[in-house]
């Protein structure tokens, strides 16, 4: 990963906004660490169901994207990842302002990463959902992770 935290966040956010659904849902990476990620998503009217609650599909998309981001932020520097399985438990509470998802890639065994993720209402701290999942892990030939591959400063050096 790029050495400077603000560079890392910028590179990761640039990568995330290239995903059309992440851009449409206005997902933002707010923290990135060694195998961890935190992302936010505003609860927009278009993302709500008939009773005004955040649609579970939007919540699932945020949590899945945050979990995948935690995988590529792992110290082993994965080049790519894809969701194998994500088990989501929704608590039935609704967020009104902003949802905060926090994910941790706690183990990688072979080509499989294991992740947990929780989503909360950023304003109240109320737990909205928890998930655990497994993701594929692919490594590049030069031992560079995806965050290094998309960072133009790293490619020039």
C-alpha atoms as a PDB file:
ATOM      1  CA  UNK A   1       0.000   0.000   0.000  1.00  0.00           C
ATOM      2  CA  UNK A   2       1.163   3.570  -0.398  1.00  0.00           C
ATOM      3  CA  UNK A   3       3.070   4.659   2.681  1.00  0.00           C
ATOM      4  CA  UNK A   4       1.180   7.863   3.456  1.00  0.00           C
ATOM      5  CA  UNK A   5      -2.301   7.307   4.944  1.00  0.00           C
ATOM      6  CA  UNK A   6      -3.918  10.142   2.970  1.00  0.00           C
ATOM      7  CA  UNK A   7      -2.402   8.764  -0.269  1.00  0.00           C
ATOM      8  CA  UNK A   8      -3.725   5.319   0.620  1.00  0.00           C
ATOM      9  CA  UNK A   9      -7.237   6.639   1.221  1.00  0.00           C
ATOM     10  CA  UNK A  10      -7.149   8.663  -2.000  1.00  0.00           C
ATOM     11  CA  UNK A  11      -5.999   5.680  -4.077  1.00  0.00           C
ATOM     12  CA  UNK A  12      -8.571   3.364  -2.486  1.00  0.00           C
ATOM     13  CA  UNK A  13     -11.395   5.887  -2.941  1.00  0.00           C
ATOM     14  CA  UNK A  14     -10.410   6.408  -6.583  1.00  0.00           C
ATOM     15  CA  UNK A  15     -10.602   2.658  -7.092  1.00  0.00           C
ATOM     16  CA  UNK A  16     -13.989   2.357  -5.331  1.00  0.00           C
ATOM     17  CA  UNK A  17     -15.568   5.184  -7.342  1.00  0.00           C
ATOM     18  CA  UNK A  18     -14.718   3.285 -10.534  1.00  0.00           C
ATOM     19  CA  UNK A  19     -17.307   0.722  -9.431  1.00  0.00           C
ATOM     20  CA  UNK A  20     -20.526   2.120 -10.885  1.00  0.00           C
ATOM     21  CA  UNK A  21     -22.769   0.855  -8.079  1.00  0.00           C
ATOM     22  CA  UNK A  22     -20.434   2.238  -5.394  1.00  0.00           C
ATOM     23  CA  UNK A  23     -20.443   5.628  -7.108  1.00  0.00           C
ATOM     24  CA  UNK A  24     -24.236   5.558  -7.492  1.00  0.00           C
ATOM     25  CA  UNK A  25     -24.648   4.711  -3.797  1.00  0.00           C
ATOM     26  CA  UNK A  26     -22.109   7.436  -2.900  1.00  0.00           C
ATOM     27  CA  UNK A  27     -19.869   5.121  -0.855  1.00  0.00           C
ATOM     28  CA  UNK A  28     -16.845   6.745   0.757  1.00  0.00           C
ATOM     29  CA  UNK A  29     -13.847   5.147   2.407  1.00  0.00           C
ATOM     30  CA  UNK A  30     -13.187   6.926   5.691  1.00  0.00           C
ATOM     31  CA  UNK A  31     -10.454   4.686   7.138  1.00  0.00           C
ATOM     32  CA  UNK A  32      -8.113   2.013   5.864  1.00  0.00           C
ATOM     33  CA  UNK A  33      -5.606  -0.008   7.809  1.00  0.00           C
ATOM     34  CA  UNK A  34      -3.860  -3.354   7.799  1.00  0.00           C
ATOM     35  CA  UNK A  35      -6.729  -5.639   6.827  1.00  0.00           C
ATOM     36  CA  UNK A  36      -9.361  -3.141   7.945  1.00  0.00           C
ATOM     37  CA  UNK A  37     -11.658  -0.681   6.232  1.00  0.00           C
ATOM     38  CA  UNK A  38     -14.427   1.719   7.190  1.00  0.00           C
ATOM     39  CA  UNK A  39     -16.895   3.156   4.689  1.00  0.00           C
ATOM     40  CA  UNK A  40     -19.897   5.437   4.820  1.00  0.00           C
ATOM     41  CA  UNK A  41     -23.009   5.754   2.700  1.00  0.00           C
ATOM     42  CA  UNK A  42     -25.657   8.457   3.010  1.00  0.00           C
ATOM     43  CA  UNK A  43     -29.233   7.238   3.291  1.00  0.00           C
ATOM     44  CA  UNK A  44     -30.738   8.826   0.200  1.00  0.00           C
ATOM     45  CA  UNK A  45     -34.504   8.805  -0.501  1.00  0.00           C
ATOM     46  CA  UNK A  46     -33.942   6.697  -3.626  1.00  0.00           C
ATOM     47  CA  UNK A  47     -32.363   3.978  -1.453  1.00  0.00           C
ATOM     48  CA  UNK A  48     -35.365   3.662   0.859  1.00  0.00           C
ATOM     49  CA  UNK A  49     -38.372   1.378   0.695  1.00  0.00           C
ATOM     50  CA  UNK A  50     -42.048   2.371   0.882  1.00  0.00           C
ATOM     51  CA  UNK A  51     -41.909   2.974   4.654  1.00  0.00           C
ATOM     52  CA  UNK A  52     -38.730   5.065   4.437  1.00  0.00           C
ATOM     53  CA  UNK A  53     -36.286   2.420   5.681  1.00  0.00           C
ATOM     54  CA  UNK A  54     -32.940   1.863   3.951  1.00  0.00           C
ATOM     55  CA  UNK A  55     -33.316  -0.948   1.437  1.00  0.00           C
ATOM     56  CA  UNK A  56     -31.430  -4.062   2.543  1.00  0.00           C
ATOM     57  CA  UNK A  57     -29.868  -4.369  -0.923  1.00  0.00           C
ATOM     58  CA  UNK A  58     -28.102  -1.026  -0.490  1.00  0.00           C
ATOM     59  CA  UNK A  59     -26.979  -2.019   3.008  1.00  0.00           C
ATOM     60  CA  UNK A  60     -25.670  -5.343   1.699  1.00  0.00           C
ATOM     61  CA  UNK A  61     -23.790  -3.610  -1.128  1.00  0.00           C
ATOM     62  CA  UNK A  62     -22.065  -1.284   1.354  1.00  0.00           C
ATOM     63  CA  UNK A  63     -21.088  -4.112   3.685  1.00  0.00           C
ATOM     64  CA  UNK A  64     -19.844  -6.332   0.852  1.00  0.00           C
ATOM     65  CA  UNK A  65     -17.772  -3.511  -0.655  1.00  0.00           C
ATOM     66  CA  UNK A  66     -16.312  -2.602   2.737  1.00  0.00           C
ATOM     67  CA  UNK A  67     -15.406  -6.239   3.405  1.00  0.00           C
ATOM     68  CA  UNK A  68     -13.709  -6.582   0.008  1.00  0.00           C
ATOM     69  CA  UNK A  69     -11.806  -3.365   0.647  1.00  0.00           C
ATOM     70  CA  UNK A  70     -10.529  -4.780   3.959  1.00  0.00           C
ATOM     71  CA  UNK A  71      -9.279  -7.844   2.059  1.00  0.00           C
ATOM     72  CA  UNK A  72      -7.247  -5.820  -0.460  1.00  0.00           C
ATOM     73  CA  UNK A  73      -5.883  -3.721   2.424  1.00  0.00           C
ATOM     74  CA  UNK A  74      -4.445  -6.858   4.047  1.00  0.00           C
ATOM     75  CA  UNK A  75      -0.666  -6.911   4.578  1.00  0.00           C
ATOM     76  CA  UNK A  76      -0.314  -9.828   2.145  1.00  0.00           C
ATOM     77  CA  UNK A  77      -1.177  -7.318  -0.647  1.00  0.00           C
ATOM     78  CA  UNK A  78      -3.884  -9.073  -2.673  1.00  0.00           C
ATOM     79  CA  UNK A  79      -4.282  -7.945  -6.251  1.00  0.00           C
ATOM     80  CA  UNK A  80      -7.951  -8.904  -6.505  1.00  0.00           C
ATOM     81  CA  UNK A  81     -10.802 -10.335  -4.488  1.00  0.00           C
ATOM     82  CA  UNK A  82     -14.352 -11.509  -5.039  1.00  0.00           C
ATOM     83  CA  UNK A  83     -17.097 -12.495  -2.641  1.00  0.00           C
ATOM     84  CA  UNK A  84     -17.530 -16.234  -2.135  1.00  0.00           C
ATOM     85  CA  UNK A  85     -20.059 -16.035   0.694  1.00  0.00           C
ATOM     86  CA  UNK A  86     -21.509 -13.243   2.820  1.00  0.00           C
ATOM     87  CA  UNK A  87     -23.918 -14.081   5.621  1.00  0.00           C
ATOM     88  CA  UNK A  88     -25.799 -10.982   6.694  1.00  0.00           C
ATOM     89  CA  UNK A  89     -27.930 -10.554   9.820  1.00  0.00           C
ATOM     90  CA  UNK A  90     -30.093  -7.421   9.693  1.00  0.00           C
ATOM     91  CA  UNK A  91     -31.223  -6.088  13.060  1.00  0.00           C
ATOM     92  CA  UNK A  92     -34.401  -4.476  11.741  1.00  0.00           C
ATOM     93  CA  UNK A  93     -33.420  -0.941  12.691  1.00  0.00           C
ATOM     94  CA  UNK A  94     -33.437   1.841  10.148  1.00  0.00           C
ATOM     95  CA  UNK A  95     -30.822   4.512   9.569  1.00  0.00           C
ATOM     96  CA  UNK A  96     -31.879   7.997   8.543  1.00  0.00           C
ATOM     97  CA  UNK A  97     -28.643   9.911   7.931  1.00  0.00           C
ATOM     98  CA  UNK A  98     -25.440   7.993   7.246  1.00  0.00           C
ATOM     99  CA  UNK A  99     -24.505   4.336   7.572  1.00  0.00           C
ATOM    100  CA  UNK A 100     -20.996   3.437   8.769  1.00  0.00           C
ATOM    101  CA  UNK A 101     -19.599   0.007   7.891  1.00  0.00           C
ATOM    102  CA  UNK A 102     -16.423  -1.336   9.514  1.00  0.00           C
ATOM    103  CA  UNK A 103     -14.752  -4.506   8.249  1.00  0.00           C
ATOM    104  CA  UNK A 104     -11.823  -6.631   9.339  1.00  0.00           C
ATOM    105  CA  UNK A 105     -10.044  -9.288   7.308  1.00  0.00           C
ATOM    106  CA  UNK A 106      -8.951 -11.446  10.236  1.00  0.00           C
ATOM    107  CA  UNK A 107      -7.374 -14.363   8.338  1.00  0.00           C
ATOM    108  CA  UNK A 108      -6.210 -15.475   4.921  1.00  0.00           C
ATOM    109  CA  UNK A 109      -5.684 -19.184   4.332  1.00  0.00           C
ATOM    110  CA  UNK A 110      -4.441 -20.066   0.886  1.00  0.00           C
ATOM    111  CA  UNK A 111      -6.606 -18.156  -1.577  1.00  0.00           C
ATOM    112  CA  UNK A 112      -9.497 -17.530   0.816  1.00  0.00           C
ATOM    113  CA  UNK A 113      -9.888 -14.493   3.079  1.00  0.00           C
ATOM    114  CA  UNK A 114     -12.217 -14.419   6.092  1.00  0.00           C
ATOM    115  CA  UNK A 115     -13.922 -11.161   7.021  1.00  0.00           C
ATOM    116  CA  UNK A 116     -16.359  -9.722   9.552  1.00  0.00           C
ATOM    117  CA  UNK A 117     -18.250  -6.480   9.032  1.00  0.00           C
ATOM    118  CA  UNK A 118     -20.729  -4.430  11.051  1.00  0.00           C
ATOM    119  CA  UNK A 119     -22.937  -1.550   9.940  1.00  0.00           C
ATOM    120  CA  UNK A 120     -24.216   1.118  12.307  1.00  0.00           C
ATOM    121  CA  UNK A 121     -26.203   4.317  12.122  1.00  0.00           C
ATOM    122  CA  UNK A 122     -23.363   6.842  12.258  1.00  0.00           C
ATOM    123  CA  UNK A 123     -25.398   9.411  14.174  1.00  0.00           C
ATOM    124  CA  UNK A 124     -26.914   7.146  16.856  1.00  0.00           C
ATOM    125  CA  UNK A 125     -24.469   4.233  16.896  1.00  0.00           C
ATOM    126  CA  UNK A 126     -27.375   1.767  16.574  1.00  0.00           C
ATOM    127  CA  UNK A 127     -26.326  -1.574  15.112  1.00  0.00           C
ATOM    128  CA  UNK A 128     -28.042  -2.122  11.751  1.00  0.00           C
ATOM    129  CA  UNK A 129     -26.444  -5.373  10.585  1.00  0.00           C
ATOM    130  CA  UNK A 130     -23.536  -7.750  11.083  1.00  0.00           C
ATOM    131  CA  UNK A 131     -21.986 -10.055   8.539  1.00  0.00           C
ATOM    132  CA  UNK A 132     -19.269 -12.613   8.109  1.00  0.00           C
ATOM    133  CA  UNK A 133     -17.952 -13.866   4.849  1.00  0.00           C
ATOM    134  CA  UNK A 134     -15.263 -15.420   2.757  1.00  0.00           C
ATOM    135  CA  UNK A 135     -13.587 -13.899  -0.278  1.00  0.00           C
ATOM    136  CA  UNK A 136     -11.255 -15.185  -2.961  1.00  0.00           C
ATOM    137  CA  UNK A 137      -7.743 -13.783  -2.932  1.00  0.00           C
ATOM    138  CA  UNK A 138      -5.573 -13.394  -6.013  1.00  0.00           C
ATOM    139  CA  UNK A 139      -1.966 -12.240  -5.941  1.00  0.00           C
ATOM    140  CA  UNK A 140      -0.053 -10.438  -8.663  1.00  0.00           C
ATOM    141  CA  UNK A 141       3.198 -11.715 -10.167  1.00  0.00           C
ATOM    142  CA  UNK A 142       5.317  -8.952  -8.638  1.00  0.00           C
ATOM    143  CA  UNK A 143       3.905  -9.140  -5.116  1.00  0.00           C
ATOM    144  CA  UNK A 144       2.189  -5.774  -5.518  1.00  0.00           C
ATOM    145  CA  UNK A 145      -1.315  -5.293  -4.211  1.00  0.00           C
ATOM    146  CA  UNK A 146      -4.161  -3.595  -6.051  1.00  0.00           C
ATOM    147  CA  UNK A 147      -3.662  -0.351  -4.120  1.00  0.00           C
ATOM    148  CA  UNK A 148      -0.069  -0.176  -5.337  1.00  0.00           C
ATOM    149  CA  UNK A 149      -1.011  -1.125  -8.892  1.00  0.00           C
ATOM    150  CA  UNK A 150      -3.500   1.737  -9.252  1.00  0.00           C
ATOM    151  CA  UNK A 151      -1.249   4.314  -7.572  1.00  0.00           C
ATOM    152  CA  UNK A 152       0.478   6.261 -10.375  1.00  0.00           C
ATOM    153  CA  UNK A 153       3.296   7.418  -8.060  1.00  0.00           C
ATOM    154  CA  UNK A 154       4.201   3.809  -7.249  1.00  0.00           C
ATOM    155  CA  UNK A 155       4.262   2.810 -10.951  1.00  0.00           C
ATOM    156  CA  UNK A 156       6.709   5.590 -11.862  1.00  0.00           C
ATOM    157  CA  UNK A 157       9.254   4.630  -9.194  1.00  0.00           C
END
